[in-house]
Amino acid sequence: MKRFQKGEIWVATGFYLFAWLIILFPVLTFDQEAIYSDQAYRFRRTEITYDFILHTVWPQLLFVTAIYGGFMSLNFWVAPQFLEHGRISKGLWSGALVVASCFLMVMVGETWWYGYKTNFPTVSAFHIWCAGRAAVIMFVWLLGFAVYTLVKNILPELMDDPRFTRYFRIKPRADMIVLIIFWLACVAFFILDRRPARVQFFIWAGGAYLIAYYLLSRYFFEPLLRKERTWLQLAPNALVIITITFVAACFMCDISTNIRYMASVYVFILMWEIIIVIPLAWGITRLRLRQKNEVLVLEKALGRSSANLDFLRSQINPHFLFNALNTLYGTALQERAARTSEGIQRLGDMMRFMLHENVEEKIHLSKEVAYLQNYIALQRLRTQESPDIKIEVNITESGYEHTIAPMLLIPFVENAFKHGISLRNRSWIVVSLSCDAEHIYFDAYNSVHPRPDNDPEKNSLGIGLNNVRHRLQHLYPGRHELSIRQTNTEFFVHLTITTQKAAATA
């Protein structure tokens, strides 16, 4: 955000200085056509002495100063009081002070600009009329500032939205496009204003500025900021670019206009090339290279992550794990360890499911049920020596071609075994699953036992279930019903999922 604020200051100040150049151009170039314009004729027609500085230059300078000063004050002083600090009263008072000051400046400028009007009964009536014009100008300006502030605060969120950035991607040389459009707009403005000398000036000087900007960015600032060459090595490039574009602009302006005092025009051309073009080329080139470096860093980081992932995959090969489990399974059979061999077989089936089936968006319900049964069978091996633990499974999913998101039901069963089994107290777990043509019904019912205070997972009950809630809302919006009830001794979960086929029929 600080970088954006610096950009706002640069752009606003650049436009402000550019406005001063346009306003003072007739004075510094002794443009008699501009000095003795329609404004002067209106004053002389009412037999009022006309002063070009007082009645034309100062009103325009007051107007652009009020707009510039008001923008800077509201944008960097008043608006943060509301948006960042929440100081409503201070923001209102400071905003009122800024608006009142700008209003007075515009009103004074209007009285000087329209000083030739003598059809008002009193001077006060004329001042009231000028105040009305100033009020309208301030209202339009404040409305524009409000729109700008709104867009400035909404635009970052839009830029994070892929649907927006998909259609509005910034091209590498978008800066040149923007500058060319600005240059053509200035030329068009002065063509409509019927000022041939100014049209020629902006055509040739503006064109030279565009060429200087591109060449300085490409052959001076880019290699300098990339640290490919030093200042001393690149200084001749900058001097040649500035000299050639300056001489070309002066020559073309001289042969295409009839301005008497061209020396002042030469000074302005050189001055604006130094204080506007060079800093602008440096700032935008620096910003563009910084963004490009950030993209390269991200690409390198992504490449390293992909390489690390590939390395891990090569080290932890699923086939190696399956072969190892098969070896252990064969060894357990040779040693006649039935429980061990059964556990290894079920563990291998579960791993195969997690590595292959879990990557699919939807799987057949029978595969999810097989995973549940393997998990429950492993838990039975752990608890079958405890007569006070009862595990009941009622699953009848056959007969229906339902699909389901993988690993959706297992968190409920894991939660039941995690919190429902106690080797010292009577415990029970009941898992049920059934289907009809349009629905899947699942229930998990288990006992609950108090956990010791030093148990690190004492307060973790329900965290996994909250994750399942979010998955259900994302995968089955409006097509599921989840009911969870808990007492001091029991925990019950009921889930109903409406299949995609039934939802399409509805």
Protein backbone atom coordinates (compact mmCIF):
# COMPACT_ATOMS: atom_id res chain seq x y z
CA MET A 1 0.00 0.00 0.00
CA LYS A 2 2.88 2.41 0.73
CA ARG A 3 4.18 1.80 -2.77
CA PHE A 4 0.76 2.65 -4.19
CA GLN A 5 0.61 5.84 -2.10
CA LYS A 6 3.98 6.91 -3.48
CA GLY A 7 2.60 6.35 -6.96
CA GLU A 8 -0.42 8.52 -6.13
CA ILE A 9 1.86 11.33 -4.98
CA TRP A 10 3.98 11.10 -8.12
CA VAL A 11 1.02 11.07 -10.49
CA ALA A 12 -0.89 13.86 -8.73
CA THR A 13 2.20 16.07 -8.50
CA GLY A 14 3.06 15.37 -12.13
CA PHE A 15 -0.38 16.47 -13.30
CA TYR A 16 -0.19 19.52 -11.04
CA LEU A 17 3.17 20.60 -12.49
CA PHE A 18 1.94 19.82 -15.98
CA ALA A 19 -1.05 22.13 -15.39
CA TRP A 20 1.31 24.90 -14.26
CA LEU A 21 3.29 24.46 -17.48
CA ILE A 22 0.16 24.81 -19.60
CA ILE A 23 -1.05 27.87 -17.67
CA LEU A 24 2.30 29.67 -17.68
CA PHE A 25 3.21 28.70 -21.24
CA PRO A 26 1.74 31.85 -22.87
CA VAL A 27 3.53 34.09 -20.36
CA LEU A 28 6.93 32.48 -20.74
CA THR A 29 6.63 32.25 -24.53
CA PHE A 30 5.06 35.71 -24.94
CA ASP A 31 2.17 34.19 -26.83
CA GLN A 32 0.29 37.35 -27.86
CA GLU A 33 -2.56 35.33 -29.35
CA ALA A 34 -3.28 33.75 -25.98
CA ILE A 35 -2.82 36.97 -24.01
CA TYR A 36 -5.25 38.89 -26.23
CA SER A 37 -7.86 36.15 -26.31
CA ASP A 38 -11.63 36.11 -25.94
CA GLN A 39 -11.18 36.62 -22.18
CA ALA A 40 -9.49 39.97 -22.82
CA TYR A 41 -12.15 40.96 -25.34
CA ARG A 42 -14.94 40.35 -22.80
CA PHE A 43 -13.23 42.65 -20.29
CA ARG A 44 -12.55 45.41 -22.81
CA ARG A 45 -16.15 45.27 -24.03
CA THR A 46 -17.32 46.31 -20.55
CA GLU A 47 -14.62 49.01 -20.39
CA ILE A 48 -12.82 47.21 -17.52
CA THR A 49 -9.05 47.12 -17.53
CA TYR A 50 -7.87 43.61 -18.34
CA ASP A 51 -4.74 42.13 -16.77
CA PHE A 52 -3.64 38.78 -18.17
CA ILE A 53 -1.90 37.68 -14.95
CA LEU A 54 -4.68 38.78 -12.60
CA HIS A 55 -7.72 37.75 -14.61
CA THR A 56 -6.46 34.63 -16.42
CA VAL A 57 -3.30 33.15 -14.90
CA TRP A 58 -4.06 33.55 -11.18
CA PRO A 59 -7.63 32.14 -11.36
CA GLN A 60 -6.37 29.06 -13.18
CA LEU A 61 -3.47 28.60 -10.76
CA LEU A 62 -5.83 28.94 -7.79
CA PHE A 63 -8.18 26.38 -9.29
CA VAL A 64 -5.53 23.69 -9.98
CA THR A 65 -3.87 24.39 -6.59
CA ALA A 66 -7.21 23.93 -4.81
CA ILE A 67 -7.84 20.65 -6.65
CA TYR A 68 -4.31 19.36 -6.02
CA GLY A 69 -4.11 20.49 -2.39
CA GLY A 70 -7.60 19.19 -1.65
CA PHE A 71 -6.81 15.78 -3.14
CA MET A 72 -3.57 15.42 -1.23
CA SER A 73 -5.18 16.51 2.05
CA LEU A 74 -8.29 14.34 1.73
CA ASN A 75 -6.44 11.30 0.41
CA PHE A 76 -3.52 11.23 2.86
CA TRP A 77 -4.90 13.04 5.92
CA VAL A 78 -8.69 13.00 6.09
CA ALA A 79 -9.58 9.61 4.53
CA PRO A 80 -7.21 7.62 6.81
CA GLN A 81 -9.01 9.13 9.83
CA PHE A 82 -12.18 7.31 8.72
CA LEU A 83 -10.85 4.16 7.03
CA GLU A 84 -7.80 3.26 9.16
CA HIS A 85 -8.09 4.92 12.57
CA GLY A 86 -11.87 5.13 13.05
CA ARG A 87 -11.68 8.75 14.24
CA ILE A 88 -15.02 9.96 12.93
CA SER A 89 -15.21 13.34 14.69
CA LYS A 90 -11.63 14.29 13.84
CA GLY A 91 -12.15 13.17 10.26
CA LEU A 92 -15.28 15.30 9.92
CA TRP A 93 -13.61 18.43 11.31
CA SER A 94 -10.46 18.02 9.21
CA GLY A 95 -12.52 17.24 6.10
CA ALA A 96 -14.68 20.31 6.63
CA LEU A 97 -11.55 22.45 7.00
CA VAL A 98 -10.04 21.13 3.75
CA VAL A 99 -13.28 21.53 1.77
CA ALA A 100 -13.84 25.06 3.11
CA SER A 101 -10.29 26.10 2.20
CA CYS A 102 -10.60 24.71 -1.34
CA PHE A 103 -14.03 26.33 -1.73
CA LEU A 104 -12.65 29.76 -0.81
CA MET A 105 -9.77 29.39 -3.27
CA VAL A 106 -12.10 28.40 -6.11
CA MET A 107 -14.54 31.20 -5.24
CA VAL A 108 -11.79 33.84 -5.27
CA GLY A 109 -10.57 32.50 -8.61
CA GLU A 110 -14.11 32.68 -10.02
CA THR A 111 -14.46 36.35 -8.97
CA TRP A 112 -11.20 37.22 -10.77
CA TRP A 113 -12.08 35.18 -13.85
CA TYR A 114 -15.62 36.62 -14.22
CA GLY A 115 -14.73 40.14 -13.09
CA TYR A 116 -16.06 41.53 -16.36
CA LYS A 117 -19.70 40.75 -15.46
CA THR A 118 -21.45 44.02 -14.58
CA ASN A 119 -25.10 42.91 -14.87
CA PHE A 120 -25.48 42.23 -11.11
CA PRO A 121 -27.28 44.83 -8.94
CA THR A 122 -24.64 44.72 -6.20
CA VAL A 123 -21.14 43.38 -5.64
CA SER A 124 -22.55 40.99 -3.00
CA ALA A 125 -24.91 39.49 -5.57
CA PHE A 126 -21.95 38.86 -7.89
CA HIS A 127 -20.00 37.22 -5.07
CA ILE A 128 -22.99 35.01 -4.23
CA TRP A 129 -23.19 33.94 -7.88
CA CYS A 130 -19.47 33.09 -7.89
CA ALA A 131 -19.95 31.17 -4.62
CA GLY A 132 -22.70 29.13 -6.27
CA ARG A 133 -20.41 28.21 -9.13
CA ALA A 134 -17.65 27.29 -6.69
CA ALA A 135 -20.10 25.12 -4.72
CA VAL A 136 -21.07 23.21 -7.88
CA ILE A 137 -17.41 22.69 -8.79
CA MET A 138 -16.62 21.43 -5.29
CA PHE A 139 -19.60 19.06 -5.31
CA VAL A 140 -18.52 17.50 -8.61
CA TRP A 141 -14.93 17.26 -7.39
CA LEU A 142 -15.94 15.61 -4.08
CA LEU A 143 -18.14 13.17 -5.96
CA GLY A 144 -15.22 12.22 -8.20
CA PHE A 145 -12.94 11.82 -5.18
CA ALA A 146 -15.50 9.55 -3.49
CA VAL A 147 -15.69 7.36 -6.60
CA TYR A 148 -11.89 7.23 -6.78
CA THR A 149 -11.61 6.22 -3.12
CA LEU A 150 -14.26 3.52 -3.57
CA VAL A 151 -12.52 2.07 -6.63
CA LYS A 152 -9.12 2.23 -4.92
CA ASN A 153 -10.37 0.15 -1.98
CA ILE A 154 -12.34 -2.37 -4.09
CA LEU A 155 -9.77 -2.87 -6.87
CA PRO A 156 -7.24 -4.90 -4.78
CA GLU A 157 -9.97 -7.44 -3.99
CA LEU A 158 -10.89 -7.64 -7.67
CA MET A 159 -7.25 -8.17 -8.62
CA ASP A 160 -7.18 -11.20 -6.30
CA ASP A 161 -10.23 -12.63 -8.06
CA PRO A 162 -9.13 -14.93 -10.92
CA ARG A 163 -12.36 -14.17 -12.78
CA PHE A 164 -11.26 -10.52 -12.98
CA THR A 165 -7.56 -11.00 -13.67
CA ARG A 166 -8.37 -13.54 -16.38
CA TYR A 167 -9.71 -10.72 -18.58
CA PHE A 168 -7.60 -7.78 -17.34
CA ARG A 169 -4.01 -8.96 -17.37
CA ILE A 170 -1.34 -6.24 -17.38
CA LYS A 171 0.98 -6.61 -20.34
CA PRO A 172 4.74 -6.07 -19.97
CA ARG A 173 4.68 -2.79 -21.92
CA ALA A 174 1.35 -1.47 -20.73
CA ASP A 175 3.20 1.63 -19.50
CA MET A 176 3.91 2.66 -23.09
CA ILE A 177 0.27 2.19 -24.06
CA VAL A 178 -0.88 4.42 -21.18
CA LEU A 179 1.66 7.14 -22.01
CA ILE A 180 0.75 7.12 -25.72
CA ILE A 181 -2.94 7.47 -24.87
CA PHE A 182 -2.15 10.38 -22.54
CA TRP A 183 -0.04 12.03 -25.24
CA LEU A 184 -2.78 11.68 -27.87
CA ALA A 185 -5.36 13.04 -25.41
CA CYS A 186 -3.25 16.18 -24.85
CA VAL A 187 -2.84 16.69 -28.59
CA ALA A 188 -6.58 16.24 -29.18
CA PHE A 189 -7.39 18.70 -26.38
CA PHE A 190 -5.30 21.49 -27.90
CA ILE A 191 -6.61 20.74 -31.39
CA LEU A 192 -10.12 21.34 -30.06
CA ASP A 193 -8.83 24.43 -28.21
CA ARG A 194 -7.57 25.82 -31.55
CA ARG A 195 -4.05 26.58 -30.37
CA PRO A 196 -1.81 25.56 -33.29
CA ALA A 197 1.46 26.38 -31.50
CA ARG A 198 0.56 24.22 -28.50
CA VAL A 199 -0.59 21.40 -30.78
CA GLN A 200 2.79 21.37 -32.51
CA PHE A 201 4.60 21.57 -29.19
CA PHE A 202 2.79 18.53 -27.74
CA ILE A 203 3.14 16.56 -30.97
CA TRP A 204 6.90 16.95 -31.23
CA ALA A 205 7.96 17.41 -27.61
CA GLY A 206 5.55 14.73 -26.43
CA GLY A 207 6.76 12.32 -29.10
CA ALA A 208 10.37 12.99 -28.12
CA TYR A 209 9.47 12.35 -24.48
CA LEU A 210 7.93 8.97 -25.36
CA ILE A 211 11.03 7.93 -27.30
CA ALA A 212 13.31 9.13 -24.50
CA TYR A 213 11.23 7.27 -21.91
CA TYR A 214 11.42 3.98 -23.81
CA LEU A 215 15.13 4.24 -24.62
CA LEU A 216 16.10 5.27 -21.08
CA SER A 217 14.05 2.42 -19.64
CA ARG A 218 15.47 -0.14 -22.07
CA TYR A 219 19.13 0.88 -22.38
CA PHE A 220 19.89 2.70 -19.13
CA PHE A 221 17.69 1.82 -16.15
CA GLU A 222 17.08 -1.88 -16.92
CA PRO A 223 20.79 -2.87 -17.09
CA LEU A 224 21.53 -0.52 -14.17
CA LEU A 225 18.84 -1.98 -11.87
CA ARG A 226 19.79 -5.52 -12.87
CA LYS A 227 23.37 -4.63 -11.91
CA GLU A 228 24.63 -5.74 -15.30
CA ARG A 229 26.67 -2.53 -15.71
CA THR A 230 27.68 0.43 -13.54
CA TRP A 231 26.62 4.10 -13.61
CA LEU A 232 29.84 5.15 -15.33
CA GLN A 233 29.43 2.53 -18.03
CA LEU A 234 25.80 3.48 -18.72
CA ALA A 235 26.12 7.28 -18.40
CA PRO A 236 27.03 7.75 -22.11
CA ASN A 237 23.81 5.95 -23.08
CA ALA A 238 21.71 8.36 -21.01
CA LEU A 239 23.54 11.45 -22.32
CA VAL A 240 23.13 10.37 -25.95
CA ILE A 241 19.42 9.59 -25.52
CA ILE A 242 18.65 12.89 -23.75
CA THR A 243 20.69 14.95 -26.22
CA ILE A 244 19.22 13.42 -29.37
CA THR A 245 15.60 13.58 -28.23
CA PHE A 246 16.05 17.15 -26.91
CA VAL A 247 17.62 18.42 -30.13
CA ALA A 248 15.01 16.66 -32.27
CA ALA A 249 12.13 18.12 -30.24
CA CYS A 250 13.58 21.65 -30.38
CA PHE A 251 14.25 21.43 -34.12
CA MET A 252 10.75 20.19 -34.97
CA CYS A 253 9.06 22.77 -32.71
CA ASP A 254 11.18 25.54 -34.26
CA ILE A 255 10.33 24.74 -37.88
CA SER A 256 6.62 24.04 -37.23
CA THR A 257 5.73 27.12 -35.12
CA ASN A 258 6.15 30.90 -35.30
CA ILE A 259 6.89 31.54 -31.62
CA ARG A 260 9.22 34.51 -31.24
CA TYR A 261 11.06 33.52 -28.07
CA MET A 262 12.02 29.91 -28.74
CA ALA A 263 14.73 30.00 -26.07
CA SER A 264 12.08 29.67 -23.35
CA VAL A 265 10.56 26.72 -25.22
CA TYR A 266 13.96 25.03 -25.33
CA VAL A 267 14.33 25.49 -21.58
CA PHE A 268 10.93 23.97 -20.93
CA ILE A 269 11.62 20.99 -23.18
CA LEU A 270 14.88 20.22 -21.38
CA MET A 271 13.44 20.94 -17.92
CA TRP A 272 10.48 18.57 -18.32
CA GLU A 273 12.66 15.86 -19.81
CA ILE A 274 14.87 16.00 -16.72
CA ILE A 275 12.26 16.36 -13.96
CA ILE A 276 9.44 14.27 -15.47
CA VAL A 277 10.67 11.78 -18.09
CA ILE A 278 13.80 10.56 -16.31
CA PRO A 279 12.18 9.98 -12.85
CA LEU A 280 9.14 8.39 -14.52
CA ALA A 281 11.30 5.99 -16.51
CA TRP A 282 13.29 5.07 -13.40
CA GLY A 283 10.23 4.49 -11.19
CA ILE A 284 8.21 2.40 -13.64
CA THR A 285 11.23 0.35 -14.75
CA ARG A 286 12.08 -0.37 -11.12
CA LEU A 287 8.52 -1.44 -10.40
CA ARG A 288 8.32 -3.66 -13.49
CA LEU A 289 11.61 -5.40 -12.71
CA ARG A 290 10.60 -5.93 -9.10
CA GLN A 291 7.37 -7.62 -10.18
CA LYS A 292 9.26 -9.74 -12.68
CA ASN A 293 11.77 -10.79 -9.99
CA GLU A 294 8.93 -11.77 -7.67
CA VAL A 295 7.46 -13.99 -10.38
CA LEU A 296 10.86 -15.62 -11.00
CA VAL A 297 11.34 -16.25 -7.29
CA LEU A 298 7.93 -17.89 -7.07
CA GLU A 299 8.65 -20.01 -10.15
CA LYS A 300 11.96 -21.16 -8.67
CA ALA A 301 10.31 -21.95 -5.33
CA LEU A 302 7.60 -23.90 -7.13
CA GLY A 303 10.22 -25.80 -9.10
CA ARG A 304 12.11 -26.69 -5.91
CA SER A 305 8.89 -27.83 -4.24
CA SER A 306 8.00 -30.00 -7.23
CA ALA A 307 11.48 -31.50 -7.25
CA ASN A 308 11.32 -32.20 -3.52
CA LEU A 309 7.92 -33.81 -3.94
CA ASP A 310 9.18 -35.98 -6.79
CA PHE A 311 12.16 -36.95 -4.65
CA LEU A 312 9.94 -37.94 -1.75
CA ARG A 313 7.72 -39.92 -4.08
CA SER A 314 10.73 -41.75 -5.42
CA GLN A 315 11.96 -42.50 -1.90
CA ILE A 316 8.60 -43.62 -0.52
CA ASN A 317 7.49 -45.85 -3.33
CA PRO A 318 4.01 -47.35 -2.81
CA HIS A 319 5.11 -50.56 -4.53
CA PHE A 320 7.94 -50.92 -2.05
CA LEU A 321 5.49 -50.56 0.84
CA PHE A 322 3.09 -53.11 -0.65
CA ASN A 323 5.94 -55.55 -1.23
CA ALA A 324 7.13 -55.07 2.33
CA LEU A 325 3.63 -55.69 3.70
CA ASN A 326 3.30 -58.81 1.54
CA THR A 327 6.61 -60.08 2.93
CA LEU A 328 5.42 -59.48 6.50
CA TYR A 329 2.11 -61.11 5.67
CA GLY A 330 3.87 -64.24 4.34
CA THR A 331 6.12 -64.36 7.40
CA ALA A 332 3.12 -64.12 9.74
CA LEU A 333 1.41 -67.01 7.94
CA GLN A 334 4.56 -69.16 8.22
CA GLU A 335 4.67 -68.44 11.95
CA ARG A 336 0.95 -69.20 12.17
CA ALA A 337 0.19 -65.69 13.56
CA ALA A 338 -3.35 -65.40 12.23
CA ARG A 339 -4.19 -62.09 13.89
CA THR A 340 -0.96 -60.48 12.73
CA SER A 341 -1.40 -61.65 9.15
CA GLU A 342 -5.00 -60.43 9.09
CA GLY A 343 -3.96 -57.02 10.41
CA ILE A 344 -1.20 -56.68 7.82
CA GLN A 345 -3.56 -57.61 5.01
CA ARG A 346 -6.19 -55.09 6.07
CA LEU A 347 -3.55 -52.39 6.54
CA GLY A 348 -2.29 -53.02 3.00
CA ASP A 349 -5.84 -52.74 1.63
CA MET A 350 -6.30 -49.43 3.47
CA MET A 351 -3.02 -48.05 2.12
CA ARG A 352 -3.96 -49.09 -1.39
CA PHE A 353 -7.27 -47.23 -1.01
CA MET A 354 -5.61 -44.07 0.30
CA LEU A 355 -3.02 -44.00 -2.49
CA HIS A 356 -5.27 -44.81 -5.42
CA GLU A 357 -8.95 -44.25 -4.62
CA ASN A 358 -8.57 -41.17 -2.43
CA VAL A 359 -7.40 -39.02 -5.36
CA GLU A 360 -10.74 -39.44 -7.17
CA GLU A 361 -13.52 -36.91 -6.85
CA LYS A 362 -16.19 -39.61 -6.41
CA ILE A 363 -15.88 -43.38 -5.83
CA HIS A 364 -18.36 -46.22 -5.65
CA LEU A 365 -19.95 -46.58 -2.22
CA SER A 366 -18.74 -50.17 -1.93
CA LYS A 367 -15.09 -48.98 -1.94
CA GLU A 368 -15.77 -46.54 0.88
CA VAL A 369 -17.53 -49.33 2.82
CA ALA A 370 -14.58 -51.68 2.28
CA TYR A 371 -12.25 -49.08 3.77
CA LEU A 372 -14.57 -48.66 6.77
CA GLN A 373 -14.71 -52.41 7.31
CA ASN A 374 -10.92 -52.75 7.16
CA TYR A 375 -10.53 -49.95 9.68
CA ILE A 376 -13.10 -51.47 12.03
CA ALA A 377 -11.50 -54.92 11.66
CA LEU A 378 -8.11 -53.48 12.71
CA GLN A 379 -9.76 -51.87 15.73
CA ARG A 380 -11.37 -55.20 16.63
CA LEU A 381 -7.92 -56.81 16.73
CA ARG A 382 -6.90 -54.21 19.28
CA THR A 383 -9.99 -54.58 21.49
CA GLN A 384 -11.15 -58.18 21.07
CA GLU A 385 -9.46 -59.26 24.30
CA SER A 386 -11.66 -56.82 26.28
CA PRO A 387 -15.10 -58.35 26.97
CA ASP A 388 -16.56 -55.00 28.09
CA ILE A 389 -16.13 -53.46 24.64
CA LYS A 390 -18.96 -54.05 22.19
CA ILE A 391 -18.57 -53.20 18.51
CA GLU A 392 -21.60 -53.64 16.25
CA VAL A 393 -21.59 -53.01 12.51
CA ASN A 394 -24.74 -52.96 10.38
CA ILE A 395 -23.91 -52.15 6.75
CA THR A 396 -26.23 -52.96 3.84
CA GLU A 397 -25.19 -50.89 0.84
CA SER A 398 -25.56 -53.52 -1.88
CA GLY A 399 -28.20 -53.20 -4.57
CA TYR A 400 -27.66 -49.50 -5.33
CA GLU A 401 -25.16 -47.79 -7.63
CA HIS A 402 -24.38 -44.83 -5.41
CA THR A 403 -21.16 -42.82 -5.49
CA ILE A 404 -19.69 -40.80 -2.65
CA ALA A 405 -16.73 -38.51 -1.98
CA PRO A 406 -13.83 -40.65 -0.66
CA MET A 407 -12.91 -40.58 3.04
CA LEU A 408 -16.17 -38.81 3.92
CA LEU A 409 -17.53 -41.33 6.46
CA ILE A 410 -14.31 -42.50 8.10
CA PRO A 411 -13.91 -39.38 10.36
CA PHE A 412 -17.15 -40.31 12.15
CA VAL A 413 -15.91 -43.86 12.76
CA GLU A 414 -12.45 -42.66 13.81
CA ASN A 415 -14.07 -40.23 16.22
CA ALA A 416 -16.21 -43.05 17.67
CA PHE A 417 -13.19 -45.27 18.36
CA LYS A 418 -11.07 -42.38 19.58
CA HIS A 419 -13.55 -41.13 22.17
CA GLY A 420 -15.83 -44.15 22.66
CA ILE A 421 -13.37 -46.88 23.71
CA SER A 422 -12.07 -47.28 27.23
CA LEU A 423 -10.10 -50.35 28.34
CA ARG A 424 -11.28 -49.84 31.93
CA ASN A 425 -14.97 -48.96 31.48
CA ARG A 426 -17.83 -50.57 29.62
CA SER A 427 -17.87 -49.22 26.05
CA TRP A 428 -19.88 -49.67 22.90
CA ILE A 429 -19.82 -48.54 19.29
CA VAL A 430 -22.59 -49.05 16.74
CA VAL A 431 -21.98 -48.19 13.08
CA SER A 432 -24.87 -48.44 10.62
CA LEU A 433 -25.17 -47.71 6.91
CA SER A 434 -28.12 -48.27 4.62
CA CYS A 435 -29.41 -46.98 1.28
CA ASP A 436 -32.48 -46.58 -0.80
CA ALA A 437 -32.82 -45.50 -4.40
CA GLU A 438 -32.14 -41.82 -3.65
CA HIS A 439 -30.39 -41.60 -0.28
CA ILE A 440 -27.47 -42.85 1.78
CA TYR A 441 -28.09 -43.13 5.54
CA PHE A 442 -25.23 -43.35 8.00
CA ASP A 443 -25.24 -43.55 11.83
CA ALA A 444 -22.44 -43.72 14.38
CA TYR A 445 -23.36 -44.27 18.04
CA ASN A 446 -20.77 -44.63 20.78
CA SER A 447 -20.19 -44.28 24.49
CA VAL A 448 -18.32 -41.30 25.92
CA HIS A 449 -15.88 -41.50 28.80
CA PRO A 450 -14.32 -38.70 30.85
CA ARG A 451 -10.73 -38.05 29.85
CA PRO A 452 -7.97 -37.13 32.32
CA ASP A 453 -7.01 -33.48 32.65
CA ASN A 454 -3.49 -34.10 31.35
CA ASP A 455 -4.78 -35.67 28.11
CA PRO A 456 -3.56 -33.41 25.25
CA GLU A 457 -6.60 -34.41 23.16
CA LYS A 458 -9.16 -33.80 25.87
CA ASN A 459 -10.62 -30.75 24.11
CA SER A 460 -10.14 -32.03 20.54
CA LEU A 461 -13.56 -33.68 20.36
CA GLY A 462 -15.43 -32.22 17.41
CA ILE A 463 -12.51 -30.61 15.57
CA GLY A 464 -12.45 -33.37 12.95
CA LEU A 465 -16.24 -33.28 12.76
CA ASN A 466 -16.15 -29.55 12.00
CA ASN A 467 -13.89 -30.30 9.04
CA VAL A 468 -16.40 -32.89 7.82
CA ARG A 469 -19.17 -30.27 8.11
CA HIS A 470 -17.21 -27.95 5.81
CA ARG A 471 -16.63 -30.77 3.29
CA LEU A 472 -20.31 -31.65 3.27
CA GLN A 473 -21.30 -28.02 2.71
CA HIS A 474 -18.88 -27.82 -0.21
CA LEU A 475 -19.58 -31.23 -1.78
CA TYR A 476 -23.30 -31.64 -1.04
CA PRO A 477 -24.81 -28.16 -0.67
CA GLY A 478 -28.51 -28.49 0.09
CA ARG A 479 -28.28 -32.27 -0.38
CA HIS A 480 -27.29 -33.51 3.06
CA GLU A 481 -28.59 -33.53 6.61
CA LEU A 482 -26.15 -33.90 9.50
CA SER A 483 -27.39 -34.32 13.06
CA ILE A 484 -24.98 -34.59 16.02
CA ARG A 485 -26.13 -35.10 19.62
CA GLN A 486 -23.99 -35.56 22.71
CA THR A 487 -24.62 -36.24 26.40
CA ASN A 488 -22.25 -36.98 29.25
CA THR A 489 -22.25 -40.70 28.35
CA GLU A 490 -23.28 -40.96 24.67
CA PHE A 491 -22.44 -39.50 21.30
CA PHE A 492 -24.66 -39.92 18.24
CA VAL A 493 -24.17 -38.90 14.60
CA HIS A 494 -26.74 -39.24 11.85
CA LEU A 495 -26.00 -38.32 8.23
CA THR A 496 -28.34 -38.42 5.24
CA ILE A 497 -26.95 -37.74 1.76
CA THR A 498 -29.20 -37.22 -1.23
CA THR A 499 -27.50 -38.70 -4.28
CA GLN A 500 -26.79 -36.72 -7.43
CA LYS A 501 -29.36 -38.76 -9.36
CA ALA A 502 -32.12 -37.90 -6.91
CA ALA A 503 -31.13 -34.21 -6.88
CA ALA A 504 -31.25 -34.08 -10.68
CA THR A 505 -34.69 -35.65 -10.66
CA ALA A 506 -35.95 -33.11 -8.14
